[in-house]
Amino acid sequence: MPKQPAKINAVNNTPTPPKRGRRRKDDTPTPNRADLISAVLTIEKRDGPGSLSMRKLASEVGVSARLLYTMVKNKEELYDLAVNSTLANWKVPSPSLPWQKRFSTLTKTGLDLCMTYPELARHALRFSLENKYPESAYRLIDEISTYFKEAGLSSGEARQVQMLFNALLLGALDLTRNYQSDQQAKLIKEFYKALDIALSHILKGIRLK
């Protein structure tokens, strides 16, 4: 087939370059679950609590919202994935340490994660208050149960202590929602101090047994 002659620009008598089709977002490589989780954590940390949306996540990973909905059902499923991944990668303290040190270290790590990713923390803590734990949480639950067993608490007492601490943390996280973003950072630091005091009293009560 003979080659078509190039079109000539009537203004300056030069060949007109051929039109190029725009690259659609859906033509980019499809992100995997790890990519989505990483993007969720990035948005949560960078843009603040409650900032995640399907449209924003789609833009973050470079695909259309339509394609994203073929990978996950909704925002709640994204939070589930991120929570499970975070819990699965949570390192526990060395078993050679005293139980008090292990409990304090593990809980403070949890506080740091909660303050960094408040919306994910609310999602995870509501699971615990409803006694509907994600699969990856049971490793940490067993770890904490070991601490309480070494402290001499019954299973009922251990459950009450854990629920009390979860309720305090969830309340603190929910209260931050009522303030503007420029005030939230300061409030979160104050809540961290308050929760740290609560943890100290819990540990003190356990030691007195």
Protein backbone atom coordinates (compact mmCIF):
# COMPACT_ATOMS: atom_id res chain seq x y z
CA MET A 1 0.00 0.00 0.00
CA PRO A 2 1.52 3.37 -1.00
CA LYS A 3 2.55 5.68 1.81
CA GLN A 4 0.16 8.58 2.37
CA PRO A 5 1.75 12.00 1.79
CA ALA A 6 2.18 14.19 4.85
CA LYS A 7 -0.39 16.95 5.29
CA ILE A 8 0.94 20.46 4.69
CA ASN A 9 0.31 23.30 7.13
CA ALA A 10 -1.29 26.05 5.05
CA VAL A 11 0.13 28.81 7.28
CA ASN A 12 3.87 28.12 7.08
CA ASN A 13 3.95 25.47 4.33
CA THR A 14 5.51 22.83 6.64
CA PRO A 15 4.43 19.20 7.15
CA THR A 16 1.89 18.73 9.94
CA PRO A 17 3.05 16.05 12.42
CA PRO A 18 0.68 13.10 12.83
CA LYS A 19 -1.66 13.21 15.82
CA ARG A 20 -0.75 11.05 18.75
CA GLY A 21 -3.38 9.33 20.84
CA ARG A 22 -3.52 10.26 24.52
CA ARG A 23 -2.35 7.56 26.90
CA ARG A 24 -5.24 6.53 29.10
CA LYS A 25 -4.73 5.86 32.79
CA ASP A 26 -6.06 2.35 32.29
CA ASP A 27 -3.11 1.68 29.93
CA THR A 28 -0.64 1.96 32.83
CA PRO A 29 0.51 -1.23 34.61
CA THR A 30 -2.13 -2.45 37.06
CA PRO A 31 -1.00 -1.96 40.68
CA ASN A 32 -0.98 -4.97 42.98
CA ARG A 33 -2.32 -5.20 46.54
CA ALA A 34 1.02 -4.11 48.01
CA ASP A 35 0.95 -0.97 45.83
CA LEU A 36 -2.55 -0.12 47.04
CA ILE A 37 -1.65 -0.63 50.70
CA SER A 38 1.46 1.53 50.34
CA ALA A 39 -0.60 4.28 48.69
CA VAL A 40 -3.28 4.12 51.42
CA LEU A 41 -0.64 4.58 54.12
CA THR A 42 1.00 7.41 52.17
CA ILE A 43 -2.29 9.30 51.79
CA GLU A 44 -3.28 8.74 55.41
CA LYS A 45 0.06 10.01 56.70
CA ARG A 46 0.49 12.87 54.21
CA ASP A 47 -3.05 14.24 53.95
CA GLY A 48 -4.41 13.49 57.41
CA PRO A 49 -7.25 11.45 58.96
CA GLY A 50 -10.27 10.77 56.78
CA SER A 51 -8.60 12.08 53.61
CA LEU A 52 -8.64 8.78 51.73
CA SER A 53 -11.06 8.44 48.82
CA MET A 54 -11.22 6.02 45.92
CA ARG A 55 -10.60 8.86 43.46
CA LYS A 56 -7.56 10.11 45.38
CA LEU A 57 -6.13 6.60 45.66
CA ALA A 58 -6.66 6.01 41.94
CA SER A 59 -4.71 9.18 41.20
CA GLU A 60 -1.96 8.15 43.63
CA VAL A 61 -1.36 4.79 41.92
CA GLY A 62 -1.92 6.15 38.39
CA VAL A 63 -5.09 4.34 37.35
CA SER A 64 -8.69 5.35 36.81
CA ALA A 65 -11.25 5.06 39.59
CA ARG A 66 -13.16 2.65 37.35
CA LEU A 67 -10.23 0.24 37.25
CA LEU A 68 -9.67 0.61 40.99
CA TYR A 69 -13.24 -0.54 41.67
CA THR A 70 -12.49 -3.79 39.83
CA MET A 71 -9.72 -4.48 42.38
CA VAL A 72 -11.43 -3.52 45.65
CA LYS A 73 -15.08 -3.01 46.57
CA ASN A 74 -14.81 0.20 48.53
CA LYS A 75 -12.79 2.27 50.98
CA GLU A 76 -13.61 -0.09 53.86
CA GLU A 77 -11.92 -2.96 52.06
CA LEU A 78 -8.85 -0.77 51.54
CA TYR A 79 -8.70 -0.09 55.27
CA ASP A 80 -9.04 -3.82 55.93
CA LEU A 81 -6.08 -4.53 53.65
CA ALA A 82 -3.95 -1.79 55.22
CA VAL A 83 -4.78 -2.87 58.79
CA ASN A 84 -4.01 -6.52 58.06
CA SER A 85 -0.71 -5.62 56.43
CA THR A 86 0.33 -3.33 59.30
CA LEU A 87 -0.53 -5.93 61.94
CA ALA A 88 1.21 -8.71 60.02
CA ASN A 89 4.43 -6.67 59.84
CA TRP A 90 4.33 -5.55 63.47
CA LYS A 91 7.47 -6.80 65.21
CA VAL A 92 7.10 -8.08 68.77
CA PRO A 93 9.75 -7.45 71.46
CA SER A 94 12.38 -10.03 72.30
CA PRO A 95 11.07 -12.79 74.62
CA SER A 96 14.24 -12.40 76.69
CA LEU A 97 12.93 -9.08 78.09
CA PRO A 98 10.76 -8.88 81.25
CA TRP A 99 7.03 -8.95 80.49
CA GLN A 100 6.61 -5.35 81.73
CA LYS A 101 9.15 -4.09 79.21
CA ARG A 102 7.66 -6.18 76.40
CA PHE A 103 4.14 -4.96 77.16
CA SER A 104 5.24 -1.32 77.37
CA THR A 105 7.26 -1.53 74.14
CA LEU A 106 4.52 -3.29 72.18
CA THR A 107 1.81 -0.90 73.37
CA LYS A 108 3.86 2.24 72.71
CA THR A 109 4.59 0.99 69.21
CA GLY A 110 0.84 0.65 68.80
CA LEU A 111 0.31 4.20 70.04
CA ASP A 112 2.84 5.52 67.53
CA LEU A 113 1.09 3.70 64.69
CA CYS A 114 -2.31 4.95 65.86
CA MET A 115 -1.15 8.55 65.94
CA THR A 116 0.50 8.23 62.51
CA TYR A 117 -2.50 6.52 60.89
CA PRO A 118 -5.55 7.59 62.97
CA GLU A 119 -8.23 6.43 60.53
CA LEU A 120 -6.71 2.97 60.25
CA ALA A 121 -6.46 2.84 64.03
CA ARG A 122 -10.19 3.58 64.40
CA HIS A 123 -10.92 0.85 61.91
CA ALA A 124 -8.78 -1.69 63.77
CA LEU A 125 -9.94 -0.71 67.26
CA ARG A 126 -13.60 -1.04 66.37
CA PHE A 127 -12.81 -4.60 65.34
CA SER A 128 -11.40 -5.26 68.79
CA LEU A 129 -14.30 -3.64 70.66
CA GLU A 130 -16.73 -5.77 68.65
CA ASN A 131 -14.50 -8.81 69.18
CA LYS A 132 -14.11 -9.20 65.40
CA TYR A 133 -10.38 -9.32 64.92
CA PRO A 134 -8.67 -9.50 61.52
CA GLU A 135 -6.69 -12.69 60.99
CA SER A 136 -3.32 -10.97 61.37
CA ALA A 137 -4.24 -9.65 64.83
CA TYR A 138 -4.23 -13.01 66.60
CA ARG A 139 -0.44 -13.18 66.73
CA LEU A 140 -0.37 -9.93 68.72
CA ILE A 141 -3.32 -10.96 70.88
CA ASP A 142 -1.50 -14.16 71.83
CA GLU A 143 1.63 -12.13 72.56
CA ILE A 144 -0.22 -9.77 74.92
CA SER A 145 -2.00 -12.71 76.56
CA THR A 146 1.43 -14.12 77.39
CA TYR A 147 2.37 -10.89 79.18
CA PHE A 148 -0.80 -10.92 81.26
CA LYS A 149 -0.35 -14.58 82.10
CA GLU A 150 3.17 -13.86 83.35
CA ALA A 151 1.72 -10.98 85.41
CA GLY A 152 -0.71 -13.34 87.12
CA LEU A 153 -3.95 -11.97 85.62
CA SER A 154 -6.87 -14.23 84.87
CA SER A 155 -8.15 -14.35 81.29
CA GLY A 156 -11.15 -12.22 82.31
CA GLU A 157 -8.97 -9.56 83.94
CA ALA A 158 -6.64 -9.50 80.94
CA ARG A 159 -9.58 -8.99 78.59
CA GLN A 160 -10.90 -6.11 80.72
CA VAL A 161 -7.53 -4.34 80.76
CA GLN A 162 -7.18 -4.66 76.99
CA MET A 163 -10.73 -3.42 76.36
CA LEU A 164 -10.20 -0.45 78.69
CA PHE A 165 -7.06 0.62 76.89
CA ASN A 166 -8.67 0.16 73.47
CA ALA A 167 -11.68 2.24 74.53
CA LEU A 168 -9.45 5.06 75.81
CA LEU A 169 -7.48 5.11 72.58
CA LEU A 170 -10.56 4.97 70.36
CA GLY A 171 -12.15 7.85 72.28
CA ALA A 172 -9.02 9.96 71.87
CA LEU A 173 -8.86 9.27 68.15
CA ASP A 174 -12.54 10.10 67.63
CA LEU A 175 -12.22 13.39 69.51
CA THR A 176 -9.49 14.58 67.13
CA ARG A 177 -12.04 14.47 64.30
CA ASN A 178 -13.84 17.48 65.77
CA TYR A 179 -10.85 19.77 65.28
CA GLN A 180 -9.26 21.33 62.23
CA SER A 181 -6.12 19.75 60.80
CA ASP A 182 -3.82 22.49 62.14
CA GLN A 183 -5.04 21.73 65.67
CA GLN A 184 -5.03 17.95 65.34
CA ALA A 185 -1.25 17.54 65.55
CA LYS A 186 -1.14 19.35 68.89
CA LEU A 187 -4.14 17.42 70.22
CA ILE A 188 -2.68 14.10 69.14
CA LYS A 189 0.49 14.85 71.13
CA GLU A 190 -1.61 15.68 74.19
CA PHE A 191 -3.62 12.49 73.81
CA TYR A 192 -0.39 10.55 73.45
CA LYS A 193 0.73 11.87 76.84
CA ALA A 194 -2.65 11.07 78.40
CA LEU A 195 -2.68 7.54 77.00
CA ASP A 196 0.90 7.04 78.12
CA ILE A 197 -0.19 7.97 81.66
CA ALA A 198 -3.11 5.54 81.38
CA LEU A 199 -0.71 2.80 80.29
CA SER A 200 1.57 3.56 83.25
CA HIS A 201 -1.36 3.20 85.67
CA ILE A 202 -2.41 -0.07 84.05
CA LEU A 203 1.12 -1.41 84.46
CA LYS A 204 1.25 -0.14 88.05
CA GLY A 205 -2.01 -1.90 88.86
CA ILE A 206 -0.71 -5.14 87.40
CA ARG A 207 2.52 -4.91 89.42
CA LEU A 208 0.54 -4.48 92.67
CA LYS A 209 -1.18 -7.84 92.24
